[in-house]
């Protein structure tokens, strides 16, 4: 039994192919649909209406004007009616098939448009959130007016510091001048006193008053 199945190429775990599939005609649905769309597109044009009108008029004129022996469709033109009915019988399904294919394409395009709209909405929401975050972060940064105000405050502080430093320098220089005493080798200080605190006689002049050595000669004690 297994050898017979191997020879036939059949497997028990797969369904057996139907014998009717070989009898049914096979066709490609897409190719047939494209042909149906072309026919339906041609049936809906003004060219088809003009061609059909010319054919019907020639048909009627010929079957009226031609000799009876040469007429192929006498009145009431049963053959013309049959041809037009056959054309309508085939045209309606072809048009419906073309419409169904167009509906399928429209449905697919609608689904793609919906997906694109969802992606665009998501991207827009993401950009809105990013802009809000950037606005918050920018709000925390220093603005131009704030920087100008801070720089003005710093300049005012620097000017005040410089003025205070200049006053302090002048005050220190004045204090150093006042505190400076006599320099070495008996130099006279600002108050005219020596380092010993005694008055100093100016060079080539009279001794200062109160100096013991400032008595003139001949002004000693009486009777001396």
C-alpha atoms as a PDB file:
ATOM      1  CA  UNK A   1       0.000   0.000   0.000  1.00  0.00           C
ATOM      2  CA  UNK A   2       2.800   2.401   0.923  1.00  0.00           C
ATOM      3  CA  UNK A   3       4.711   1.451  -2.240  1.00  0.00           C
ATOM      4  CA  UNK A   4       1.619   2.205  -4.312  1.00  0.00           C
ATOM      5  CA  UNK A   5       1.261   5.631  -2.668  1.00  0.00           C
ATOM      6  CA  UNK A   6       4.940   6.377  -3.328  1.00  0.00           C
ATOM      7  CA  UNK A   7       4.516   5.449  -6.986  1.00  0.00           C
ATOM      8  CA  UNK A   8       1.485   7.726  -7.309  1.00  0.00           C
ATOM      9  CA  UNK A   9       3.207  10.536  -5.459  1.00  0.00           C
ATOM     10  CA  UNK A  10       0.315  10.899  -2.993  1.00  0.00           C
ATOM     11  CA  UNK A  11       0.538  11.626   0.714  1.00  0.00           C
ATOM     12  CA  UNK A  12      -1.944  10.765   3.404  1.00  0.00           C
ATOM     13  CA  UNK A  13      -1.418  14.057   5.259  1.00  0.00           C
ATOM     14  CA  UNK A  14      -2.473  16.147   2.245  1.00  0.00           C
ATOM     15  CA  UNK A  15      -5.921  16.319   0.610  1.00  0.00           C
ATOM     16  CA  UNK A  16      -6.326  14.658  -2.742  1.00  0.00           C
ATOM     17  CA  UNK A  17      -6.695  16.971  -5.704  1.00  0.00           C
ATOM     18  CA  UNK A  18     -10.153  17.035  -7.242  1.00  0.00           C
ATOM     19  CA  UNK A  19     -10.609  15.378 -10.599  1.00  0.00           C
ATOM     20  CA  UNK A  20     -12.989  18.105 -11.721  1.00  0.00           C
ATOM     21  CA  UNK A  21     -10.189  20.671 -11.552  1.00  0.00           C
ATOM     22  CA  UNK A  22      -8.726  19.249 -14.759  1.00  0.00           C
ATOM     23  CA  UNK A  23     -12.074  19.545 -16.502  1.00  0.00           C
ATOM     24  CA  UNK A  24     -12.808  23.168 -15.516  1.00  0.00           C
ATOM     25  CA  UNK A  25     -11.195  25.800 -17.728  1.00  0.00           C
ATOM     26  CA  UNK A  26      -8.509  27.812 -16.023  1.00  0.00           C
ATOM     27  CA  UNK A  27      -8.001  31.513 -16.613  1.00  0.00           C
ATOM     28  CA  UNK A  28      -6.180  34.362 -15.020  1.00  0.00           C
ATOM     29  CA  UNK A  29      -8.649  36.644 -13.200  1.00  0.00           C
ATOM     30  CA  UNK A  30      -6.449  39.699 -13.447  1.00  0.00           C
ATOM     31  CA  UNK A  31      -5.968  39.374 -17.202  1.00  0.00           C
ATOM     32  CA  UNK A  32      -9.690  38.811 -17.763  1.00  0.00           C
ATOM     33  CA  UNK A  33     -10.455  41.780 -15.514  1.00  0.00           C
ATOM     34  CA  UNK A  34      -8.098  44.031 -17.476  1.00  0.00           C
ATOM     35  CA  UNK A  35      -9.778  43.001 -20.749  1.00  0.00           C
ATOM     36  CA  UNK A  36     -13.210  43.628 -19.231  1.00  0.00           C
ATOM     37  CA  UNK A  37     -12.131  47.085 -18.082  1.00  0.00           C
ATOM     38  CA  UNK A  38     -10.862  47.957 -21.563  1.00  0.00           C
ATOM     39  CA  UNK A  39     -14.140  46.840 -23.141  1.00  0.00           C
ATOM     40  CA  UNK A  40     -16.225  48.673 -20.553  1.00  0.00           C
ATOM     41  CA  UNK A  41     -14.079  51.785 -20.995  1.00  0.00           C
ATOM     42  CA  UNK A  42     -14.642  51.614 -24.770  1.00  0.00           C
ATOM     43  CA  UNK A  43     -18.401  51.053 -24.363  1.00  0.00           C
ATOM     44  CA  UNK A  44     -18.620  54.229 -22.315  1.00  0.00           C
ATOM     45  CA  UNK A  45     -17.063  56.482 -24.948  1.00  0.00           C
ATOM     46  CA  UNK A  46     -18.675  58.664 -27.631  1.00  0.00           C
ATOM     47  CA  UNK A  47     -16.748  56.766 -30.313  1.00  0.00           C
ATOM     48  CA  UNK A  48     -18.622  53.550 -29.535  1.00  0.00           C
ATOM     49  CA  UNK A  49     -21.973  55.347 -29.700  1.00  0.00           C
ATOM     50  CA  UNK A  50     -21.057  56.912 -33.057  1.00  0.00           C
ATOM     51  CA  UNK A  51     -19.829  53.594 -34.494  1.00  0.00           C
ATOM     52  CA  UNK A  52     -22.928  51.748 -33.278  1.00  0.00           C
ATOM     53  CA  UNK A  53     -25.200  54.437 -34.715  1.00  0.00           C
ATOM     54  CA  UNK A  54     -23.474  54.225 -38.109  1.00  0.00           C
ATOM     55  CA  UNK A  55     -23.711  50.417 -38.115  1.00  0.00           C
ATOM     56  CA  UNK A  56     -27.435  50.442 -37.262  1.00  0.00           C
ATOM     57  CA  UNK A  57     -28.215  53.111 -39.890  1.00  0.00           C
ATOM     58  CA  UNK A  58     -26.276  51.247 -42.617  1.00  0.00           C
ATOM     59  CA  UNK A  59     -27.976  48.010 -41.571  1.00  0.00           C
ATOM     60  CA  UNK A  60     -31.449  49.527 -41.874  1.00  0.00           C
ATOM     61  CA  UNK A  61     -30.770  51.400 -45.124  1.00  0.00           C
ATOM     62  CA  UNK A  62     -29.279  48.346 -46.778  1.00  0.00           C
ATOM     63  CA  UNK A  63     -32.148  46.069 -45.770  1.00  0.00           C
ATOM     64  CA  UNK A  64     -34.633  48.672 -47.039  1.00  0.00           C
ATOM     65  CA  UNK A  65     -32.931  49.690 -50.260  1.00  0.00           C
ATOM     66  CA  UNK A  66     -31.308  46.448 -51.342  1.00  0.00           C
ATOM     67  CA  UNK A  67     -33.151  44.019 -53.622  1.00  0.00           C
ATOM     68  CA  UNK A  68     -35.185  41.404 -51.781  1.00  0.00           C
ATOM     69  CA  UNK A  69     -32.839  38.634 -52.851  1.00  0.00           C
ATOM     70  CA  UNK A  70     -29.831  40.429 -51.333  1.00  0.00           C
ATOM     71  CA  UNK A  71     -31.435  41.354 -48.030  1.00  0.00           C
ATOM     72  CA  UNK A  72     -30.199  39.353 -45.044  1.00  0.00           C
ATOM     73  CA  UNK A  73     -32.491  40.869 -42.386  1.00  0.00           C
ATOM     74  CA  UNK A  74     -35.924  41.850 -43.528  1.00  0.00           C
ATOM     75  CA  UNK A  75     -38.448  43.776 -41.537  1.00  0.00           C
ATOM     76  CA  UNK A  76     -38.929  43.572 -38.439  1.00  0.00           C
ATOM     77  CA  UNK A  77     -35.111  43.161 -38.334  1.00  0.00           C
ATOM     78  CA  UNK A  78     -34.994  40.202 -36.003  1.00  0.00           C
ATOM     79  CA  UNK A  79     -31.291  39.593 -36.605  1.00  0.00           C
ATOM     80  CA  UNK A  80     -30.448  43.232 -35.645  1.00  0.00           C
ATOM     81  CA  UNK A  81     -32.516  42.901 -32.493  1.00  0.00           C
ATOM     82  CA  UNK A  82     -30.705  39.664 -31.624  1.00  0.00           C
ATOM     83  CA  UNK A  83     -27.294  41.279 -32.174  1.00  0.00           C
ATOM     84  CA  UNK A  84     -28.147  44.249 -29.994  1.00  0.00           C
ATOM     85  CA  UNK A  85     -29.544  41.967 -27.271  1.00  0.00           C
ATOM     86  CA  UNK A  86     -26.417  39.807 -27.373  1.00  0.00           C
ATOM     87  CA  UNK A  87     -24.261  42.906 -27.126  1.00  0.00           C
ATOM     88  CA  UNK A  88     -26.248  44.171 -24.118  1.00  0.00           C
ATOM     89  CA  UNK A  89     -26.096  40.731 -22.481  1.00  0.00           C
ATOM     90  CA  UNK A  90     -22.294  40.762 -22.622  1.00  0.00           C
ATOM     91  CA  UNK A  91     -21.795  44.444 -21.992  1.00  0.00           C
ATOM     92  CA  UNK A  92     -23.664  44.469 -18.668  1.00  0.00           C
ATOM     93  CA  UNK A  93     -21.511  41.798 -16.934  1.00  0.00           C
ATOM     94  CA  UNK A  94     -18.320  43.331 -18.315  1.00  0.00           C
ATOM     95  CA  UNK A  95     -19.309  46.730 -16.990  1.00  0.00           C
ATOM     96  CA  UNK A  96     -20.193  45.217 -13.605  1.00  0.00           C
ATOM     97  CA  UNK A  97     -16.857  43.396 -13.485  1.00  0.00           C
ATOM     98  CA  UNK A  98     -15.004  46.619 -14.278  1.00  0.00           C
ATOM     99  CA  UNK A  99     -16.970  48.422 -11.575  1.00  0.00           C
ATOM    100  CA  UNK A 100     -16.122  45.710  -9.042  1.00  0.00           C
ATOM    101  CA  UNK A 101     -12.426  45.992  -9.836  1.00  0.00           C
ATOM    102  CA  UNK A 102     -12.663  49.751  -9.544  1.00  0.00           C
ATOM    103  CA  UNK A 103     -14.409  49.365  -6.179  1.00  0.00           C
ATOM    104  CA  UNK A 104     -11.615  47.082  -5.006  1.00  0.00           C
ATOM    105  CA  UNK A 105      -9.007  49.642  -6.055  1.00  0.00           C
ATOM    106  CA  UNK A 106     -10.948  52.429  -4.382  1.00  0.00           C
ATOM    107  CA  UNK A 107     -11.217  50.356  -1.213  1.00  0.00           C
ATOM    108  CA  UNK A 108      -7.481  49.685  -1.241  1.00  0.00           C
ATOM    109  CA  UNK A 109      -6.724  53.359  -1.901  1.00  0.00           C
ATOM    110  CA  UNK A 110      -9.072  54.337   0.906  1.00  0.00           C
ATOM    111  CA  UNK A 111      -7.303  51.992   3.296  1.00  0.00           C
ATOM    112  CA  UNK A 112      -3.932  53.433   2.273  1.00  0.00           C
ATOM    113  CA  UNK A 113      -5.249  56.977   2.681  1.00  0.00           C
ATOM    114  CA  UNK A 114      -6.583  56.086   6.126  1.00  0.00           C
ATOM    115  CA  UNK A 115      -3.218  54.647   7.148  1.00  0.00           C
ATOM    116  CA  UNK A 116      -1.459  57.722   5.785  1.00  0.00           C
ATOM    117  CA  UNK A 117      -3.868  59.977   7.686  1.00  0.00           C
ATOM    118  CA  UNK A 118      -3.194  58.051  10.897  1.00  0.00           C
ATOM    119  CA  UNK A 119       0.565  58.363  10.377  1.00  0.00           C
ATOM    120  CA  UNK A 120       0.259  62.068   9.605  1.00  0.00           C
ATOM    121  CA  UNK A 121      -1.868  62.600  12.720  1.00  0.00           C
ATOM    122  CA  UNK A 122       0.661  60.720  14.854  1.00  0.00           C
ATOM    123  CA  UNK A 123       3.512  62.743  13.366  1.00  0.00           C
ATOM    124  CA  UNK A 124       1.587  65.965  13.962  1.00  0.00           C
ATOM    125  CA  UNK A 125       0.941  65.062  17.590  1.00  0.00           C
ATOM    126  CA  UNK A 126       4.605  64.154  18.050  1.00  0.00           C
ATOM    127  CA  UNK A 127       5.711  67.464  16.529  1.00  0.00           C
ATOM    128  CA  UNK A 128       3.229  69.334  18.732  1.00  0.00           C
ATOM    129  CA  UNK A 129       4.634  67.643  21.827  1.00  0.00           C
ATOM    130  CA  UNK A 130       8.186  68.420  20.726  1.00  0.00           C
ATOM    131  CA  UNK A 131       7.297  72.073  20.096  1.00  0.00           C
ATOM    132  CA  UNK A 132       5.663  72.316  23.521  1.00  0.00           C
ATOM    133  CA  UNK A 133       8.768  70.825  25.142  1.00  0.00           C
ATOM    134  CA  UNK A 134      11.005  73.235  23.208  1.00  0.00           C
ATOM    135  CA  UNK A 135       8.798  76.155  24.242  1.00  0.00           C
ATOM    136  CA  UNK A 136       9.082  75.144  27.888  1.00  0.00           C
ATOM    137  CA  UNK A 137      12.854  74.763  27.632  1.00  0.00           C
ATOM    138  CA  UNK A 138      13.185  78.072  25.802  1.00  0.00           C
ATOM    139  CA  UNK A 139      11.058  79.766  28.449  1.00  0.00           C
ATOM    140  CA  UNK A 140      13.619  78.747  31.035  1.00  0.00           C
ATOM    141  CA  UNK A 141      16.491  80.329  29.077  1.00  0.00           C
ATOM    142  CA  UNK A 142      17.686  83.880  29.539  1.00  0.00           C
ATOM    143  CA  UNK A 143      16.108  86.396  27.199  1.00  0.00           C
ATOM    144  CA  UNK A 144      17.772  89.398  25.630  1.00  0.00           C
ATOM    145  CA  UNK A 145      16.075  91.888  27.959  1.00  0.00           C
ATOM    146  CA  UNK A 146      17.057  89.832  30.986  1.00  0.00           C
ATOM    147  CA  UNK A 147      20.681  89.726  29.831  1.00  0.00           C
ATOM    148  CA  UNK A 148      20.691  93.463  29.226  1.00  0.00           C
ATOM    149  CA  UNK A 149      19.301  94.138  32.693  1.00  0.00           C
ATOM    150  CA  UNK A 150      21.876  91.833  34.282  1.00  0.00           C
ATOM    151  CA  UNK A 151      24.711  93.452  32.322  1.00  0.00           C
ATOM    152  CA  UNK A 152      23.543  96.902  33.406  1.00  0.00           C
ATOM    153  CA  UNK A 153      23.500  95.762  37.017  1.00  0.00           C
ATOM    154  CA  UNK A 154      27.008  94.308  36.657  1.00  0.00           C
ATOM    155  CA  UNK A 155      28.286  97.514  35.037  1.00  0.00           C
ATOM    156  CA  UNK A 156      26.783  99.582  37.843  1.00  0.00           C
ATOM    157  CA  UNK A 157      28.414  97.309  40.401  1.00  0.00           C
ATOM    158  CA  UNK A 158      31.752  97.586  38.611  1.00  0.00           C
ATOM    159  CA  UNK A 159      31.497 101.379  38.475  1.00  0.00           C
ATOM    160  CA  UNK A 160      30.671 101.506  42.195  1.00  0.00           C
ATOM    161  CA  UNK A 161      33.526  99.155  42.974  1.00  0.00           C
ATOM    162  CA  UNK A 162      35.935 101.289  40.986  1.00  0.00           C
ATOM    163  CA  UNK A 163      34.759 104.467  42.730  1.00  0.00           C
ATOM    164  CA  UNK A 164      35.063 102.843  46.132  1.00  0.00           C
ATOM    165  CA  UNK A 165      38.488 101.511  45.222  1.00  0.00           C
ATOM    166  CA  UNK A 166      39.620 104.993  44.109  1.00  0.00           C
ATOM    167  CA  UNK A 167      38.413 106.549  47.356  1.00  0.00           C
ATOM    168  CA  UNK A 168      40.050 103.800  49.349  1.00  0.00           C
ATOM    169  CA  UNK A 169      43.327 104.286  47.454  1.00  0.00           C
ATOM    170  CA  UNK A 170      43.302 108.048  48.045  1.00  0.00           C
ATOM    171  CA  UNK A 171      42.478 107.476  51.700  1.00  0.00           C
ATOM    172  CA  UNK A 172      45.347 104.961  52.022  1.00  0.00           C
ATOM    173  CA  UNK A 173      47.796 107.308  50.345  1.00  0.00           C
ATOM    174  CA  UNK A 174      46.739 110.139  52.642  1.00  0.00           C
ATOM    175  CA  UNK A 175      47.062 107.887  55.694  1.00  0.00           C
ATOM    176  CA  UNK A 176      50.523 106.761  54.563  1.00  0.00           C
ATOM    177  CA  UNK A 177      51.603 110.365  54.147  1.00  0.00           C
ATOM    178  CA  UNK A 178      50.324 111.186  57.621  1.00  0.00           C
ATOM    179  CA  UNK A 179      51.829 108.099  59.196  1.00  0.00           C
ATOM    180  CA  UNK A 180      55.211 108.539  57.612  1.00  0.00           C
ATOM    181  CA  UNK A 181      57.716 109.847  60.171  1.00  0.00           C
ATOM    182  CA  UNK A 182      61.255 111.009  59.780  1.00  0.00           C
ATOM    183  CA  UNK A 183      63.368 108.940  57.559  1.00  0.00           C
ATOM    184  CA  UNK A 184      66.776 107.654  58.889  1.00  0.00           C
ATOM    185  CA  UNK A 185      69.795 109.975  59.438  1.00  0.00           C
ATOM    186  CA  UNK A 186      67.725 112.583  61.300  1.00  0.00           C
ATOM    187  CA  UNK A 187      65.288 113.363  58.504  1.00  0.00           C
ATOM    188  CA  UNK A 188      62.380 115.521  59.579  1.00  0.00           C
ATOM    189  CA  UNK A 189      58.902 114.043  59.639  1.00  0.00           C
ATOM    190  CA  UNK A 190      55.687 115.790  58.781  1.00  0.00           C
ATOM    191  CA  UNK A 191      55.349 117.395  62.249  1.00  0.00           C
ATOM    192  CA  UNK A 192      58.951 118.711  62.279  1.00  0.00           C
ATOM    193  CA  UNK A 193      60.041 116.339  65.048  1.00  0.00           C
ATOM    194  CA  UNK A 194      62.905 113.947  65.084  1.00  0.00           C
ATOM    195  CA  UNK A 195      62.672 110.338  66.078  1.00  0.00           C
ATOM    196  CA  UNK A 196      63.529 111.297  69.709  1.00  0.00           C
ATOM    197  CA  UNK A 197      60.572 113.626  69.920  1.00  0.00           C
ATOM    198  CA  UNK A 198      62.744 116.753  70.421  1.00  0.00           C
ATOM    199  CA  UNK A 199      62.256 119.827  68.294  1.00  0.00           C
ATOM    200  CA  UNK A 200      64.752 120.072  65.469  1.00  0.00           C
ATOM    201  CA  UNK A 201      66.533 123.290  64.678  1.00  0.00           C
ATOM    202  CA  UNK A 202      66.219 124.322  61.132  1.00  0.00           C
ATOM    203  CA  UNK A 203      69.559 124.507  59.342  1.00  0.00           C
ATOM    204  CA  UNK A 204      71.085 128.007  59.527  1.00  0.00           C
ATOM    205  CA  UNK A 205      68.219 129.439  61.592  1.00  0.00           C
ATOM    206  CA  UNK A 206      67.305 130.197  65.152  1.00  0.00           C
ATOM    207  CA  UNK A 207      66.536 127.386  67.508  1.00  0.00           C
ATOM    208  CA  UNK A 208      62.905 126.854  68.151  1.00  0.00           C
ATOM    209  CA  UNK A 209      61.418 128.420  71.229  1.00  0.00           C
ATOM    210  CA  UNK A 210      61.624 126.439  74.448  1.00  0.00           C
ATOM    211  CA  UNK A 211      64.951 124.925  73.439  1.00  0.00           C
ATOM    212  CA  UNK A 212      67.507 125.032  76.331  1.00  0.00           C
ATOM    213  CA  UNK A 213      70.280 125.762  73.970  1.00  0.00           C
ATOM    214  CA  UNK A 214      68.487 128.674  72.418  1.00  0.00           C
ATOM    215  CA  UNK A 215      69.726 131.288  74.959  1.00  0.00           C
ATOM    216  CA  UNK A 216      71.782 133.972  73.397  1.00  0.00           C
ATOM    217  CA  UNK A 217      75.289 134.790  74.680  1.00  0.00           C
ATOM    218  CA  UNK A 218      75.441 137.413  77.407  1.00  0.00           C
ATOM    219  CA  UNK A 219      71.996 136.580  78.737  1.00  0.00           C
ATOM    220  CA  UNK A 220      73.221 134.477  81.651  1.00  0.00           C
ATOM    221  CA  UNK A 221      72.430 134.972  85.302  1.00  0.00           C
ATOM    222  CA  UNK A 222      72.885 138.337  86.786  1.00  0.00           C
ATOM    223  CA  UNK A 223      76.090 138.829  88.682  1.00  0.00           C
ATOM    224  CA  UNK A 224      77.563 135.755  86.964  1.00  0.00           C
END
